Amino acid sequence: MAEPADLKAHEATYTSMIGMLKYGAVACFLLAFLVIWLIS
């Protein structure tokens, strides 16, 4: 099994990655909406 220190580092990395994915998804949606709006 992983040591507690490794688990703590993994949890911090996982939390930051989930946060980046949430904001990245919103940014991609807005960018796609902008491109569609400019094309039409």
N, C-alpha and C. Protein backbone atom coordinates (compact mmCIF):
# COMPACT_ATOMS: atom_id res chain seq x y z
N MET A 1 0.84 -1.19 0.00
CA MET A 1 0.00 0.00 0.00
C MET A 1 0.88 1.25 0.00
N ALA A 2 0.27 2.35 -0.36
CA ALA A 2 1.00 3.62 -0.38
C ALA A 2 1.19 4.12 1.05
N GLU A 3 2.29 4.80 1.22
CA GLU A 3 2.53 5.40 2.53
C GLU A 3 1.63 6.61 2.70
N PRO A 4 1.35 7.00 3.96
CA PRO A 4 0.46 8.15 4.18
C PRO A 4 0.95 9.43 3.51
N ALA A 5 2.27 9.65 3.45
CA ALA A 5 2.79 10.86 2.82
C ALA A 5 2.48 10.84 1.32
N ASP A 6 2.61 9.67 0.69
CA ASP A 6 2.30 9.56 -0.73
C ASP A 6 0.80 9.78 -0.97
N LEU A 7 0.00 9.29 -0.08
CA LEU A 7 -1.44 9.44 -0.21
C LEU A 7 -1.83 10.91 -0.07
N LYS A 8 -1.17 11.62 0.81
CA LYS A 8 -1.48 13.04 1.00
C LYS A 8 -1.09 13.84 -0.25
N ALA A 9 0.06 13.52 -0.83
CA ALA A 9 0.49 14.19 -2.06
C ALA A 9 -0.46 13.86 -3.20
N HIS A 10 -0.89 12.61 -3.28
CA HIS A 10 -1.83 12.21 -4.32
C HIS A 10 -3.15 12.96 -4.17
N GLU A 11 -3.63 13.09 -2.95
CA GLU A 11 -4.90 13.79 -2.73
C GLU A 11 -4.80 15.25 -3.15
N ALA A 12 -3.67 15.89 -2.86
CA ALA A 12 -3.49 17.29 -3.25
C ALA A 12 -3.45 17.42 -4.77
N THR A 13 -2.75 16.50 -5.42
CA THR A 13 -2.67 16.54 -6.88
C THR A 13 -4.03 16.28 -7.50
N TYR A 14 -4.77 15.31 -6.96
CA TYR A 14 -6.09 14.98 -7.48
C TYR A 14 -7.03 16.17 -7.34
N THR A 15 -7.00 16.83 -6.19
CA THR A 15 -7.88 17.97 -5.96
C THR A 15 -7.58 19.10 -6.93
N SER A 16 -6.30 19.40 -7.14
CA SER A 16 -5.96 20.48 -8.07
C SER A 16 -6.31 20.10 -9.50
N MET A 17 -6.15 18.83 -9.86
CA MET A 17 -6.47 18.39 -11.22
C MET A 17 -7.97 18.48 -11.48
N ILE A 18 -8.78 18.09 -10.52
CA ILE A 18 -10.24 18.19 -10.67
C ILE A 18 -10.64 19.65 -10.83
N GLY A 19 -10.02 20.53 -10.06
CA GLY A 19 -10.31 21.96 -10.18
C GLY A 19 -9.96 22.50 -11.55
N MET A 20 -8.79 22.10 -12.07
CA MET A 20 -8.39 22.55 -13.40
C MET A 20 -9.33 22.00 -14.47
N LEU A 21 -9.79 20.77 -14.31
CA LEU A 21 -10.71 20.19 -15.29
C LEU A 21 -12.04 20.92 -15.30
N LYS A 22 -12.52 21.30 -14.11
CA LYS A 22 -13.79 22.03 -14.05
C LYS A 22 -13.69 23.37 -14.78
N TYR A 23 -12.66 24.14 -14.44
CA TYR A 23 -12.49 25.44 -15.09
C TYR A 23 -12.13 25.29 -16.56
N GLY A 24 -11.39 24.26 -16.90
CA GLY A 24 -11.05 24.01 -18.30
C GLY A 24 -12.27 23.67 -19.13
N ALA A 25 -13.18 22.89 -18.57
CA ALA A 25 -14.40 22.54 -19.28
C ALA A 25 -15.25 23.79 -19.53
N VAL A 26 -15.36 24.64 -18.55
CA VAL A 26 -16.12 25.88 -18.71
C VAL A 26 -15.45 26.77 -19.76
N ALA A 27 -14.13 26.87 -19.72
CA ALA A 27 -13.40 27.68 -20.69
C ALA A 27 -13.58 27.13 -22.11
N CYS A 28 -13.54 25.82 -22.27
CA CYS A 28 -13.74 25.21 -23.59
C CYS A 28 -15.15 25.46 -24.10
N PHE A 29 -16.13 25.36 -23.22
CA PHE A 29 -17.51 25.62 -23.61
C PHE A 29 -17.66 27.07 -24.07
N LEU A 30 -17.10 28.01 -23.32
CA LEU A 30 -17.21 29.42 -23.70
C LEU A 30 -16.48 29.70 -25.01
N LEU A 31 -15.32 29.10 -25.19
CA LEU A 31 -14.58 29.29 -26.44
C LEU A 31 -15.35 28.72 -27.62
N ALA A 32 -15.92 27.53 -27.46
CA ALA A 32 -16.72 26.93 -28.53
C ALA A 32 -17.93 27.80 -28.84
N PHE A 33 -18.58 28.31 -27.82
CA PHE A 33 -19.73 29.18 -28.03
C PHE A 33 -19.33 30.44 -28.78
N LEU A 34 -18.18 31.01 -28.43
CA LEU A 34 -17.69 32.21 -29.11
C LEU A 34 -17.40 31.92 -30.58
N VAL A 35 -16.76 30.81 -30.87
CA VAL A 35 -16.44 30.46 -32.26
C VAL A 35 -17.72 30.25 -33.06
N ILE A 36 -18.68 29.52 -32.48
CA ILE A 36 -19.96 29.31 -33.18
C ILE A 36 -20.67 30.64 -33.42
N TRP A 37 -20.64 31.51 -32.44
CA TRP A 37 -21.28 32.82 -32.56
C TRP A 37 -20.61 33.66 -33.65
N LEU A 38 -19.26 33.58 -33.73
CA LEU A 38 -18.55 34.35 -34.77
C LEU A 38 -18.81 33.79 -36.15
N ILE A 39 -18.96 32.50 -36.28
CA ILE A 39 -19.18 31.89 -37.59
C ILE A 39 -20.58 32.20 -38.11
N SER A 40 -21.55 32.18 -37.22
CA SER A 40 -22.94 32.39 -37.68
C SER A 40 -23.29 33.85 -37.88
